[in-house]
Amino acid sequence: MFGLPLSCMLTTLCEIYEASDSSSKKQRGPTLMAHIWNQPKEKRIVVEWNKRWHPIGNEGSDLAYFLGTIARNPTLCSLSYTDWRRVPKEDTKGLLEIVKVCV
């Protein structure tokens, strides 16, 4: 999909986010969601959904922020597509696998 096996890519991304997980900062910076990228693979976050299939609660917010970290990563999401429906299916499947592994 992106030229690297999924396990290599996840390891690299987790190392990047692990290095940036500093709780001593007082200023706001980019949302990295390091606690999700660095959680054990066997731990899952249960997201509740309303009747319109919108994620709700703190877990829903975490999911939205986590998806934002994926969308801002040019290695994972190319900026050459202006419409999500035009992204190749193999790329969307790879992104879905990353979300399934991490969340």
C-alpha atoms as a PDB file:
ATOM      1  CA  MET A   1       0.000   0.000   0.000  1.00  0.00           C
ATOM      2  CA  PHE A   2       2.458   2.690   1.159  1.00  0.00           C
ATOM      3  CA  GLY A   3       5.648   0.809   0.293  1.00  0.00           C
ATOM      4  CA  LEU A   4       6.116  -0.551   3.819  1.00  0.00           C
ATOM      5  CA  PRO A   5       4.492  -3.488   5.585  1.00  0.00           C
ATOM      6  CA  LEU A   6       1.765  -2.428   8.030  1.00  0.00           C
ATOM      7  CA  SER A   7       3.736  -3.702  11.046  1.00  0.00           C
ATOM      8  CA  CYS A   8       6.824  -1.661  10.054  1.00  0.00           C
ATOM      9  CA  MET A   9       4.741   1.439   9.486  1.00  0.00           C
ATOM     10  CA  LEU A  10       2.955   1.090  12.840  1.00  0.00           C
ATOM     11  CA  THR A  11       6.264   0.566  14.647  1.00  0.00           C
ATOM     12  CA  THR A  12       7.762   3.662  13.020  1.00  0.00           C
ATOM     13  CA  LEU A  13       4.693   5.792  13.737  1.00  0.00           C
ATOM     14  CA  CYS A  14       4.549   4.588  17.353  1.00  0.00           C
ATOM     15  CA  GLU A  15       8.225   5.523  17.818  1.00  0.00           C
ATOM     16  CA  ILE A  16       7.572   9.008  16.444  1.00  0.00           C
ATOM     17  CA  TYR A  17       4.579   9.568  18.707  1.00  0.00           C
ATOM     18  CA  GLU A  18       6.318   7.978  21.691  1.00  0.00           C
ATOM     19  CA  ALA A  19       9.182  10.465  21.378  1.00  0.00           C
ATOM     20  CA  SER A  20       6.708  13.339  21.313  1.00  0.00           C
ATOM     21  CA  ASP A  21       4.744  12.244  24.397  1.00  0.00           C
ATOM     22  CA  SER A  22       5.872  14.957  26.791  1.00  0.00           C
ATOM     23  CA  SER A  23       3.468  15.911  29.573  1.00  0.00           C
ATOM     24  CA  SER A  24       5.622  18.772  30.901  1.00  0.00           C
ATOM     25  CA  LYS A  25       4.561  21.194  28.153  1.00  0.00           C
ATOM     26  CA  LYS A  26       2.111  23.917  29.098  1.00  0.00           C
ATOM     27  CA  GLN A  27       1.499  25.279  25.591  1.00  0.00           C
ATOM     28  CA  ARG A  28      -0.891  23.818  23.084  1.00  0.00           C
ATOM     29  CA  GLY A  29       0.628  22.068  20.147  1.00  0.00           C
ATOM     30  CA  PRO A  30      -0.580  19.658  17.492  1.00  0.00           C
ATOM     31  CA  THR A  31      -2.830  16.853  18.659  1.00  0.00           C
ATOM     32  CA  LEU A  32      -0.711  13.700  18.447  1.00  0.00           C
ATOM     33  CA  MET A  33      -2.864  11.188  20.357  1.00  0.00           C
ATOM     34  CA  ALA A  34       0.330   9.473  21.553  1.00  0.00           C
ATOM     35  CA  HIS A  35      -1.639   7.576  24.202  1.00  0.00           C
ATOM     36  CA  ILE A  36      -3.564   5.808  21.431  1.00  0.00           C
ATOM     37  CA  TRP A  37      -0.585   5.203  19.129  1.00  0.00           C
ATOM     38  CA  ASN A  38       1.413   3.796  22.077  1.00  0.00           C
ATOM     39  CA  GLN A  39      -1.217   1.625  23.732  1.00  0.00           C
ATOM     40  CA  PRO A  40      -0.721  -2.174  23.749  1.00  0.00           C
ATOM     41  CA  LYS A  41      -2.145  -3.904  20.689  1.00  0.00           C
ATOM     42  CA  GLU A  42      -4.417  -6.090  22.797  1.00  0.00           C
ATOM     43  CA  LYS A  43      -6.079  -3.047  24.420  1.00  0.00           C
ATOM     44  CA  ARG A  44      -9.156  -1.741  22.583  1.00  0.00           C
ATOM     45  CA  ILE A  45     -11.107   1.478  22.946  1.00  0.00           C
ATOM     46  CA  VAL A  46     -14.853   0.929  22.815  1.00  0.00           C
ATOM     47  CA  VAL A  47     -16.597   3.739  20.967  1.00  0.00           C
ATOM     48  CA  GLU A  48     -20.321   4.318  21.508  1.00  0.00           C
ATOM     49  CA  TRP A  49     -22.498   5.515  18.618  1.00  0.00           C
ATOM     50  CA  ASN A  50     -25.781   7.402  18.552  1.00  0.00           C
ATOM     51  CA  LYS A  51     -28.755   6.402  16.384  1.00  0.00           C
ATOM     52  CA  ARG A  52     -27.275   8.346  13.436  1.00  0.00           C
ATOM     53  CA  TRP A  53     -23.999   6.384  13.723  1.00  0.00           C
ATOM     54  CA  HIS A  54     -22.038   9.363  15.037  1.00  0.00           C
ATOM     55  CA  PRO A  55     -19.387   8.524  17.650  1.00  0.00           C
ATOM     56  CA  ILE A  56     -20.285   9.960  21.063  1.00  0.00           C
ATOM     57  CA  GLY A  57     -18.618  10.459  24.425  1.00  0.00           C
ATOM     58  CA  ASN A  58     -14.940  10.824  25.265  1.00  0.00           C
ATOM     59  CA  GLU A  59     -14.097   7.774  23.162  1.00  0.00           C
ATOM     60  CA  GLY A  60     -15.867   9.334  20.185  1.00  0.00           C
ATOM     61  CA  SER A  61     -13.775  12.477  20.596  1.00  0.00           C
ATOM     62  CA  ASP A  62     -10.618  10.396  20.842  1.00  0.00           C
ATOM     63  CA  LEU A  63     -11.572   8.582  17.626  1.00  0.00           C
ATOM     64  CA  ALA A  64     -12.114  11.888  15.811  1.00  0.00           C
ATOM     65  CA  TYR A  65      -8.796  13.306  17.024  1.00  0.00           C
ATOM     66  CA  PHE A  66      -6.994  10.054  16.153  1.00  0.00           C
ATOM     67  CA  LEU A  67      -8.448  10.108  12.633  1.00  0.00           C
ATOM     68  CA  GLY A  68      -7.175  13.689  12.391  1.00  0.00           C
ATOM     69  CA  THR A  69      -3.621  12.527  13.164  1.00  0.00           C
ATOM     70  CA  ILE A  70      -3.903  10.015  10.329  1.00  0.00           C
ATOM     71  CA  ALA A  71      -5.314  12.612   7.923  1.00  0.00           C
ATOM     72  CA  ARG A  72      -2.485  15.054   8.694  1.00  0.00           C
ATOM     73  CA  ASN A  73       0.202  12.425   8.059  1.00  0.00           C
ATOM     74  CA  PRO A  74       1.336  12.699   4.408  1.00  0.00           C
ATOM     75  CA  THR A  75       2.820   9.195   4.536  1.00  0.00           C
ATOM     76  CA  LEU A  76      -0.616   7.747   5.227  1.00  0.00           C
ATOM     77  CA  CYS A  77      -2.941  10.156   3.403  1.00  0.00           C
ATOM     78  CA  SER A  78      -1.867  11.757   0.179  1.00  0.00           C
ATOM     79  CA  LEU A  79      -2.896  15.363  -0.391  1.00  0.00           C
ATOM     80  CA  SER A  80      -3.381  14.704  -4.096  1.00  0.00           C
ATOM     81  CA  TYR A  81      -7.023  13.668  -3.551  1.00  0.00           C
ATOM     82  CA  THR A  82      -9.614  16.376  -3.011  1.00  0.00           C
ATOM     83  CA  ASP A  83     -12.447  13.889  -2.508  1.00  0.00           C
ATOM     84  CA  TRP A  84     -12.352  10.885  -0.192  1.00  0.00           C
ATOM     85  CA  ARG A  85     -14.299   8.850  -2.763  1.00  0.00           C
ATOM     86  CA  ARG A  86     -11.392   9.184  -5.214  1.00  0.00           C
ATOM     87  CA  VAL A  87      -8.824   7.597  -2.874  1.00  0.00           C
ATOM     88  CA  PRO A  88      -7.926   4.110  -4.182  1.00  0.00           C
ATOM     89  CA  LYS A  89      -9.664   1.255  -2.349  1.00  0.00           C
ATOM     90  CA  GLU A  90      -6.369  -0.390  -1.334  1.00  0.00           C
ATOM     91  CA  ASP A  91      -5.326   2.844   0.419  1.00  0.00           C
ATOM     92  CA  THR A  92      -8.624   3.155   2.285  1.00  0.00           C
ATOM     93  CA  LYS A  93      -8.397  -0.498   3.343  1.00  0.00           C
ATOM     94  CA  GLY A  94      -4.884   0.106   4.671  1.00  0.00           C
ATOM     95  CA  LEU A  95      -6.032   3.153   6.649  1.00  0.00           C
ATOM     96  CA  LEU A  96      -8.930   1.163   8.080  1.00  0.00           C
ATOM     97  CA  GLU A  97      -6.485  -1.547   9.197  1.00  0.00           C
ATOM     98  CA  ILE A  98      -4.400   1.064  11.017  1.00  0.00           C
ATOM     99  CA  VAL A  99      -7.506   2.316  12.840  1.00  0.00           C
ATOM    100  CA  LYS A 100      -8.534  -1.254  13.710  1.00  0.00           C
ATOM    101  CA  VAL A 101      -5.093  -2.021  15.135  1.00  0.00           C
ATOM    102  CA  CYS A 102      -4.762   1.200  17.141  1.00  0.00           C
ATOM    103  CA  VAL A 103      -8.298   1.917  18.378  1.00  0.00           C
END
